[in-house]
């Protein structure tokens, strides 16, 4: 299957720039939801089309997308920079990677849904690991500076273990991974009180992997890693290690 790696950037035209606050609002949850719809505008070619692309926002405001079809031209965007994505890999190849992901595990609840299917729940691994760490309001004065390193240490441990397990199924061995950032985002559309609101955590990882099964790895790349793919997670960017 041919894949395409694209850089997608909003046009500089006055019309596109006037829409920028609506297309990329400052609220994180609303921003991801709007960006998801924005990217759909160049990939959804019919009402029955299912999402067959992964995407992520870059620091400069552009987007990277890995897709089964090239993005369609649009007046909202500059001409897309598109290239075929068909890396040739062999066992033992080492790759540097960047990955924005939502790391979870799935558990059975023991109940059944209305249509008779077994109910499952998805546990956000980092949020679950950080739950016992005291929050700011629970700490004595001056102790908050010690909280951040502890939270990051736990995030590092959880992220590396999760990605190593992903590699066992996806044809790679994790050599090194570093959490560059971790944040939580309220699920788009949530309007209830802040307490108890549904959230998901986003990890930005960078590191190095070794390919063990190229066919399995290349098959997994377009499917992505972790959940929250509709909101800019799951796309692993790779390049050969120098």
C-alpha atoms as a PDB file:
ATOM      1  CA  UNK A   1       0.000   0.000   0.000  1.00  0.00           C
ATOM      2  CA  UNK A   2       1.305   3.419  -0.976  1.00  0.00           C
ATOM      3  CA  UNK A   3       1.413   5.960   1.842  1.00  0.00           C
ATOM      4  CA  UNK A   4       1.926   9.696   1.739  1.00  0.00           C
ATOM      5  CA  UNK A   5       3.680  11.961   4.226  1.00  0.00           C
ATOM      6  CA  UNK A   6       2.436  15.533   3.926  1.00  0.00           C
ATOM      7  CA  UNK A   7       3.165  18.924   5.414  1.00  0.00           C
ATOM      8  CA  UNK A   8      -0.037  20.943   5.538  1.00  0.00           C
ATOM      9  CA  UNK A   9      -0.061  24.650   6.338  1.00  0.00           C
ATOM     10  CA  UNK A  10      -2.784  27.294   6.445  1.00  0.00           C
ATOM     11  CA  UNK A  11      -2.733  29.735   3.543  1.00  0.00           C
ATOM     12  CA  UNK A  12      -1.486  33.269   4.055  1.00  0.00           C
ATOM     13  CA  UNK A  13      -4.451  34.740   2.197  1.00  0.00           C
ATOM     14  CA  UNK A  14      -6.537  37.331   4.077  1.00  0.00           C
ATOM     15  CA  UNK A  15      -9.574  35.032   3.972  1.00  0.00           C
ATOM     16  CA  UNK A  16      -7.712  32.101   5.560  1.00  0.00           C
ATOM     17  CA  UNK A  17      -6.012  34.297   8.157  1.00  0.00           C
ATOM     18  CA  UNK A  18      -9.355  35.848   9.120  1.00  0.00           C
ATOM     19  CA  UNK A  19     -10.613  32.350   9.957  1.00  0.00           C
ATOM     20  CA  UNK A  20      -7.495  31.421  11.956  1.00  0.00           C
ATOM     21  CA  UNK A  21      -9.052  32.104  15.411  1.00  0.00           C
ATOM     22  CA  UNK A  22     -11.899  29.719  14.522  1.00  0.00           C
ATOM     23  CA  UNK A  23      -9.651  27.096  12.915  1.00  0.00           C
ATOM     24  CA  UNK A  24      -7.113  27.112  15.739  1.00  0.00           C
ATOM     25  CA  UNK A  25      -8.724  28.464  18.948  1.00  0.00           C
ATOM     26  CA  UNK A  26      -6.604  29.018  22.045  1.00  0.00           C
ATOM     27  CA  UNK A  27      -8.546  26.566  24.246  1.00  0.00           C
ATOM     28  CA  UNK A  28      -6.653  23.224  23.976  1.00  0.00           C
ATOM     29  CA  UNK A  29      -9.742  21.011  23.764  1.00  0.00           C
ATOM     30  CA  UNK A  30     -11.512  23.232  21.261  1.00  0.00           C
ATOM     31  CA  UNK A  31      -8.279  23.605  19.294  1.00  0.00           C
ATOM     32  CA  UNK A  32      -7.813  19.868  18.819  1.00  0.00           C
ATOM     33  CA  UNK A  33     -11.414  19.386  17.831  1.00  0.00           C
ATOM     34  CA  UNK A  34     -11.213  22.240  15.317  1.00  0.00           C
ATOM     35  CA  UNK A  35      -7.926  20.934  13.926  1.00  0.00           C
ATOM     36  CA  UNK A  36      -9.421  17.483  13.512  1.00  0.00           C
ATOM     37  CA  UNK A  37     -12.252  18.978  11.429  1.00  0.00           C
ATOM     38  CA  UNK A  38      -9.772  21.130   9.536  1.00  0.00           C
ATOM     39  CA  UNK A  39      -7.667  18.138   8.504  1.00  0.00           C
ATOM     40  CA  UNK A  40     -10.786  16.199   7.568  1.00  0.00           C
ATOM     41  CA  UNK A  41     -11.531  18.922   5.003  1.00  0.00           C
ATOM     42  CA  UNK A  42      -8.636  17.745   2.821  1.00  0.00           C
ATOM     43  CA  UNK A  43      -9.049  13.997   3.391  1.00  0.00           C
ATOM     44  CA  UNK A  44     -12.816  13.368   3.572  1.00  0.00           C
ATOM     45  CA  UNK A  45     -13.830  12.924  -0.066  1.00  0.00           C
ATOM     46  CA  UNK A  46     -17.305  11.573   0.684  1.00  0.00           C
ATOM     47  CA  UNK A  47     -19.892  11.249   3.483  1.00  0.00           C
ATOM     48  CA  UNK A  48     -19.041   7.592   4.092  1.00  0.00           C
ATOM     49  CA  UNK A  49     -15.262   8.033   4.207  1.00  0.00           C
ATOM     50  CA  UNK A  50     -13.645   6.679   7.369  1.00  0.00           C
ATOM     51  CA  UNK A  51     -10.502   8.297   8.718  1.00  0.00           C
ATOM     52  CA  UNK A  52      -7.422   6.745   7.111  1.00  0.00           C
ATOM     53  CA  UNK A  53      -4.815   9.274   8.163  1.00  0.00           C
ATOM     54  CA  UNK A  54      -2.786  10.268  11.209  1.00  0.00           C
ATOM     55  CA  UNK A  55      -1.773  13.832  11.972  1.00  0.00           C
ATOM     56  CA  UNK A  56       0.038  16.041  14.436  1.00  0.00           C
ATOM     57  CA  UNK A  57       0.510  19.762  14.905  1.00  0.00           C
ATOM     58  CA  UNK A  58       4.064  21.076  14.664  1.00  0.00           C
ATOM     59  CA  UNK A  59       5.534  23.925  16.683  1.00  0.00           C
ATOM     60  CA  UNK A  60       5.299  26.329  13.746  1.00  0.00           C
ATOM     61  CA  UNK A  61       1.554  25.729  13.419  1.00  0.00           C
ATOM     62  CA  UNK A  62       1.796  23.451  10.390  1.00  0.00           C
ATOM     63  CA  UNK A  63       0.604  19.831  10.372  1.00  0.00           C
ATOM     64  CA  UNK A  64       2.258  16.569   9.442  1.00  0.00           C
ATOM     65  CA  UNK A  65      -0.005  13.824   8.140  1.00  0.00           C
ATOM     66  CA  UNK A  66       0.545  10.200   7.167  1.00  0.00           C
ATOM     67  CA  UNK A  67      -2.238   8.998   4.912  1.00  0.00           C
ATOM     68  CA  UNK A  68      -3.378   6.383   2.440  1.00  0.00           C
ATOM     69  CA  UNK A  69      -4.379   9.171  -0.006  1.00  0.00           C
ATOM     70  CA  UNK A  70      -2.739  12.506  -0.749  1.00  0.00           C
ATOM     71  CA  UNK A  71      -4.577  15.490   0.762  1.00  0.00           C
ATOM     72  CA  UNK A  72      -6.835  17.392  -1.617  1.00  0.00           C
ATOM     73  CA  UNK A  73      -5.936  20.991  -2.568  1.00  0.00           C
ATOM     74  CA  UNK A  74      -7.868  23.662  -0.698  1.00  0.00           C
ATOM     75  CA  UNK A  75      -7.973  27.456  -0.713  1.00  0.00           C
ATOM     76  CA  UNK A  76      -7.593  27.341   3.057  1.00  0.00           C
ATOM     77  CA  UNK A  77      -4.087  25.899   2.725  1.00  0.00           C
ATOM     78  CA  UNK A  78      -0.845  26.592   0.983  1.00  0.00           C
ATOM     79  CA  UNK A  79       0.034  23.979  -1.657  1.00  0.00           C
ATOM     80  CA  UNK A  80       0.645  20.780   0.284  1.00  0.00           C
ATOM     81  CA  UNK A  81       4.162  19.360   0.408  1.00  0.00           C
ATOM     82  CA  UNK A  82       3.569  15.675  -0.270  1.00  0.00           C
ATOM     83  CA  UNK A  83       5.999  12.826  -0.768  1.00  0.00           C
ATOM     84  CA  UNK A  84       5.635   9.078  -1.019  1.00  0.00           C
ATOM     85  CA  UNK A  85       6.336   7.285   2.239  1.00  0.00           C
ATOM     86  CA  UNK A  86       7.900   3.912   1.493  1.00  0.00           C
ATOM     87  CA  UNK A  87      10.952   3.319   3.732  1.00  0.00           C
ATOM     88  CA  UNK A  88      12.996   0.214   3.021  1.00  0.00           C
ATOM     89  CA  UNK A  89      13.939  -1.345   6.349  1.00  0.00           C
ATOM     90  CA  UNK A  90      15.831  -4.428   7.434  1.00  0.00           C
ATOM     91  CA  UNK A  91      16.181  -6.069  10.863  1.00  0.00           C
ATOM     92  CA  UNK A  92      18.720  -4.188  12.940  1.00  0.00           C
ATOM     93  CA  UNK A  93      18.070  -0.769  11.388  1.00  0.00           C
ATOM     94  CA  UNK A  94      18.081   1.987  14.003  1.00  0.00           C
ATOM     95  CA  UNK A  95      15.670   4.880  13.740  1.00  0.00           C
ATOM     96  CA  UNK A  96      15.284   8.110  15.653  1.00  0.00           C
ATOM     97  CA  UNK A  97      11.630   8.876  16.337  1.00  0.00           C
ATOM     98  CA  UNK A  98       9.193  11.459  17.595  1.00  0.00           C
ATOM     99  CA  UNK A  99       5.803  10.357  18.882  1.00  0.00           C
ATOM    100  CA  UNK A 100       2.857  12.250  20.356  1.00  0.00           C
ATOM    101  CA  UNK A 101       0.605   9.713  21.999  1.00  0.00           C
ATOM    102  CA  UNK A 102      -2.100   8.872  24.505  1.00  0.00           C
ATOM    103  CA  UNK A 103      -0.883   5.764  26.362  1.00  0.00           C
ATOM    104  CA  UNK A 104      -3.672   3.542  27.671  1.00  0.00           C
ATOM    105  CA  UNK A 105      -4.588   0.023  28.639  1.00  0.00           C
ATOM    106  CA  UNK A 106      -7.988  -1.591  28.143  1.00  0.00           C
ATOM    107  CA  UNK A 107      -9.796  -3.435  30.940  1.00  0.00           C
ATOM    108  CA  UNK A 108     -12.966  -5.482  30.946  1.00  0.00           C
ATOM    109  CA  UNK A 109     -15.665  -4.121  33.263  1.00  0.00           C
ATOM    110  CA  UNK A 110     -17.690  -7.317  33.580  1.00  0.00           C
ATOM    111  CA  UNK A 111     -20.838  -5.626  32.292  1.00  0.00           C
ATOM    112  CA  UNK A 112     -22.667  -5.699  28.979  1.00  0.00           C
ATOM    113  CA  UNK A 113     -23.768  -2.850  26.773  1.00  0.00           C
ATOM    114  CA  UNK A 114     -27.330  -2.407  25.481  1.00  0.00           C
ATOM    115  CA  UNK A 115     -26.462  -4.385  22.340  1.00  0.00           C
ATOM    116  CA  UNK A 116     -24.998  -7.248  24.355  1.00  0.00           C
ATOM    117  CA  UNK A 117     -21.333  -6.485  23.809  1.00  0.00           C
ATOM    118  CA  UNK A 118     -18.870  -6.701  26.675  1.00  0.00           C
ATOM    119  CA  UNK A 119     -18.155  -3.322  28.198  1.00  0.00           C
ATOM    120  CA  UNK A 120     -14.549  -2.161  28.390  1.00  0.00           C
ATOM    121  CA  UNK A 121     -12.849   0.897  29.771  1.00  0.00           C
ATOM    122  CA  UNK A 122      -9.653   2.591  28.727  1.00  0.00           C
ATOM    123  CA  UNK A 123      -7.219   3.556  31.489  1.00  0.00           C
ATOM    124  CA  UNK A 124      -4.894   6.473  30.829  1.00  0.00           C
ATOM    125  CA  UNK A 125      -1.634   5.009  32.132  1.00  0.00           C
ATOM    126  CA  UNK A 126       0.161   8.226  33.020  1.00  0.00           C
ATOM    127  CA  UNK A 127      -2.855   9.806  34.704  1.00  0.00           C
ATOM    128  CA  UNK A 128      -3.354   6.567  36.628  1.00  0.00           C
ATOM    129  CA  UNK A 129       0.291   6.518  37.750  1.00  0.00           C
ATOM    130  CA  UNK A 130       0.197  10.177  38.770  1.00  0.00           C
ATOM    131  CA  UNK A 131      -2.998   9.831  40.787  1.00  0.00           C
ATOM    132  CA  UNK A 132      -1.169   9.020  44.084  1.00  0.00           C
ATOM    133  CA  UNK A 133       1.203  11.985  43.653  1.00  0.00           C
ATOM    134  CA  UNK A 134      -0.040  14.855  45.863  1.00  0.00           C
ATOM    135  CA  UNK A 135      -1.633  17.727  44.027  1.00  0.00           C
ATOM    136  CA  UNK A 136      -0.576  21.304  44.588  1.00  0.00           C
ATOM    137  CA  UNK A 137      -3.358  21.983  47.105  1.00  0.00           C
ATOM    138  CA  UNK A 138      -2.250  18.966  49.185  1.00  0.00           C
ATOM    139  CA  UNK A 139       1.368  20.083  49.564  1.00  0.00           C
ATOM    140  CA  UNK A 140       2.876  22.275  52.275  1.00  0.00           C
ATOM    141  CA  UNK A 141       4.074  25.705  51.235  1.00  0.00           C
ATOM    142  CA  UNK A 142       7.201  25.570  49.092  1.00  0.00           C
ATOM    143  CA  UNK A 143       6.882  21.870  48.260  1.00  0.00           C
ATOM    144  CA  UNK A 144       5.393  22.261  44.793  1.00  0.00           C
ATOM    145  CA  UNK A 145       8.864  22.575  43.243  1.00  0.00           C
ATOM    146  CA  UNK A 146       9.525  18.970  44.338  1.00  0.00           C
ATOM    147  CA  UNK A 147       6.254  17.725  42.822  1.00  0.00           C
ATOM    148  CA  UNK A 148       7.070  18.431  39.181  1.00  0.00           C
ATOM    149  CA  UNK A 149      10.216  16.246  39.031  1.00  0.00           C
ATOM    150  CA  UNK A 150       8.377  13.360  40.712  1.00  0.00           C
ATOM    151  CA  UNK A 151       5.521  13.589  38.241  1.00  0.00           C
ATOM    152  CA  UNK A 152       7.911  13.671  35.293  1.00  0.00           C
ATOM    153  CA  UNK A 153       9.864  10.694  36.649  1.00  0.00           C
ATOM    154  CA  UNK A 154       6.658   8.667  36.824  1.00  0.00           C
ATOM    155  CA  UNK A 155       5.628   9.783  33.360  1.00  0.00           C
ATOM    156  CA  UNK A 156       9.044   8.711  32.022  1.00  0.00           C
ATOM    157  CA  UNK A 157       8.764   5.277  33.609  1.00  0.00           C
ATOM    158  CA  UNK A 158       5.228   4.656  32.381  1.00  0.00           C
ATOM    159  CA  UNK A 159       5.933   5.953  28.869  1.00  0.00           C
ATOM    160  CA  UNK A 160       9.012   3.798  28.362  1.00  0.00           C
ATOM    161  CA  UNK A 161       7.304   0.649  29.610  1.00  0.00           C
ATOM    162  CA  UNK A 162       4.254   1.289  27.427  1.00  0.00           C
ATOM    163  CA  UNK A 163       6.291   1.980  24.291  1.00  0.00           C
ATOM    164  CA  UNK A 164       8.463  -1.082  24.873  1.00  0.00           C
ATOM    165  CA  UNK A 165       5.297  -3.193  24.959  1.00  0.00           C
ATOM    166  CA  UNK A 166       4.106  -1.545  21.767  1.00  0.00           C
ATOM    167  CA  UNK A 167       7.367  -2.530  20.137  1.00  0.00           C
ATOM    168  CA  UNK A 168       6.920  -6.185  21.038  1.00  0.00           C
ATOM    169  CA  UNK A 169       3.776  -6.241  18.906  1.00  0.00           C
ATOM    170  CA  UNK A 170       4.895  -3.789  16.230  1.00  0.00           C
ATOM    171  CA  UNK A 171       8.295  -5.086  15.229  1.00  0.00           C
ATOM    172  CA  UNK A 172      10.732  -2.852  17.078  1.00  0.00           C
ATOM    173  CA  UNK A 173      12.856  -2.770  20.194  1.00  0.00           C
ATOM    174  CA  UNK A 174      12.942   0.416  22.240  1.00  0.00           C
ATOM    175  CA  UNK A 175      16.515   1.571  22.819  1.00  0.00           C
ATOM    176  CA  UNK A 176      15.820   4.942  24.393  1.00  0.00           C
ATOM    177  CA  UNK A 177      12.865   7.241  24.978  1.00  0.00           C
ATOM    178  CA  UNK A 178      12.574  10.613  26.657  1.00  0.00           C
ATOM    179  CA  UNK A 179       9.381  12.420  27.643  1.00  0.00           C
ATOM    180  CA  UNK A 180       9.766  15.891  26.207  1.00  0.00           C
ATOM    181  CA  UNK A 181       6.365  17.085  27.414  1.00  0.00           C
ATOM    182  CA  UNK A 182       3.237  15.833  29.161  1.00  0.00           C
ATOM    183  CA  UNK A 183      -0.109  17.583  29.324  1.00  0.00           C
ATOM    184  CA  UNK A 184      -3.764  16.763  29.940  1.00  0.00           C
ATOM    185  CA  UNK A 185      -6.634  17.899  27.762  1.00  0.00           C
ATOM    186  CA  UNK A 186     -10.351  17.953  28.518  1.00  0.00           C
ATOM    187  CA  UNK A 187     -12.353  15.927  26.029  1.00  0.00           C
ATOM    188  CA  UNK A 188     -13.757  18.286  23.389  1.00  0.00           C
ATOM    189  CA  UNK A 189     -17.383  19.267  23.940  1.00  0.00           C
ATOM    190  CA  UNK A 190     -17.342  18.805  27.723  1.00  0.00           C
ATOM    191  CA  UNK A 191     -19.595  21.389  29.381  1.00  0.00           C
ATOM    192  CA  UNK A 192     -20.093  19.975  32.900  1.00  0.00           C
ATOM    193  CA  UNK A 193     -18.362  21.305  36.054  1.00  0.00           C
ATOM    194  CA  UNK A 194     -14.568  21.076  36.077  1.00  0.00           C
ATOM    195  CA  UNK A 195     -14.502  18.477  38.864  1.00  0.00           C
ATOM    196  CA  UNK A 196     -14.703  14.992  37.427  1.00  0.00           C
ATOM    197  CA  UNK A 197     -14.432  16.161  33.828  1.00  0.00           C
ATOM    198  CA  UNK A 198     -13.176  13.540  31.343  1.00  0.00           C
ATOM    199  CA  UNK A 199      -9.583  14.143  30.283  1.00  0.00           C
ATOM    200  CA  UNK A 200      -6.836  12.388  28.396  1.00  0.00           C
ATOM    201  CA  UNK A 201      -3.084  12.740  28.721  1.00  0.00           C
ATOM    202  CA  UNK A 202      -0.713  13.557  25.876  1.00  0.00           C
ATOM    203  CA  UNK A 203       2.922  12.473  25.875  1.00  0.00           C
ATOM    204  CA  UNK A 204       5.539  13.891  23.547  1.00  0.00           C
ATOM    205  CA  UNK A 205       8.291  11.295  23.228  1.00  0.00           C
ATOM    206  CA  UNK A 206      11.596  11.294  21.383  1.00  0.00           C
ATOM    207  CA  UNK A 207      14.207   8.570  21.228  1.00  0.00           C
ATOM    208  CA  UNK A 208      15.596   5.656  19.257  1.00  0.00           C
ATOM    209  CA  UNK A 209      14.308   2.247  18.253  1.00  0.00           C
ATOM    210  CA  UNK A 210      15.773  -0.794  16.525  1.00  0.00           C
ATOM    211  CA  UNK A 211      13.675  -2.513  13.893  1.00  0.00           C
ATOM    212  CA  UNK A 212      13.235  -6.236  14.564  1.00  0.00           C
ATOM    213  CA  UNK A 213      10.424  -7.115  12.117  1.00  0.00           C
ATOM    214  CA  UNK A 214      10.217  -4.570   9.273  1.00  0.00           C
ATOM    215  CA  UNK A 215       6.964  -5.880   7.829  1.00  0.00           C
ATOM    216  CA  UNK A 216       5.148  -5.664  11.164  1.00  0.00           C
ATOM    217  CA  UNK A 217       6.588  -2.211  11.891  1.00  0.00           C
ATOM    218  CA  UNK A 218       5.630  -0.760   8.503  1.00  0.00           C
ATOM    219  CA  UNK A 219       2.143  -2.243   8.857  1.00  0.00           C
ATOM    220  CA  UNK A 220       1.668  -0.545  12.246  1.00  0.00           C
ATOM    221  CA  UNK A 221       2.957   2.918  11.297  1.00  0.00           C
ATOM    222  CA  UNK A 222      -0.179   3.993   9.362  1.00  0.00           C
ATOM    223  CA  UNK A 223      -2.390   2.612  12.144  1.00  0.00           C
ATOM    224  CA  UNK A 224      -0.588   4.663  14.783  1.00  0.00           C
ATOM    225  CA  UNK A 225       0.230   4.042  18.430  1.00  0.00           C
ATOM    226  CA  UNK A 226      -2.086   4.564  21.395  1.00  0.00           C
ATOM    227  CA  UNK A 227      -5.494   6.247  21.391  1.00  0.00           C
ATOM    228  CA  UNK A 228      -6.824   9.783  20.733  1.00  0.00           C
ATOM    229  CA  UNK A 229      -5.712   9.591  17.102  1.00  0.00           C
ATOM    230  CA  UNK A 230      -8.540  11.873  16.014  1.00  0.00           C
ATOM    231  CA  UNK A 231      -6.988  14.577  18.208  1.00  0.00           C
ATOM    232  CA  UNK A 232      -3.465  14.561  16.792  1.00  0.00           C
ATOM    233  CA  UNK A 233      -1.945  11.574  18.583  1.00  0.00           C
ATOM    234  CA  UNK A 234      -0.432   8.318  17.324  1.00  0.00           C
ATOM    235  CA  UNK A 235       1.781   9.441  14.428  1.00  0.00           C
ATOM    236  CA  UNK A 236       5.379   8.253  14.794  1.00  0.00           C
ATOM    237  CA  UNK A 237       7.831  10.300  12.732  1.00  0.00           C
ATOM    238  CA  UNK A 238      11.023   8.389  11.925  1.00  0.00           C
ATOM    239  CA  UNK A 239      14.420   8.985  10.379  1.00  0.00           C
ATOM    240  CA  UNK A 240      17.532   6.856  10.181  1.00  0.00           C
ATOM    241  CA  UNK A 241      19.787   7.270  13.181  1.00  0.00           C
ATOM    242  CA  UNK A 242      22.937   9.174  12.463  1.00  0.00           C
END
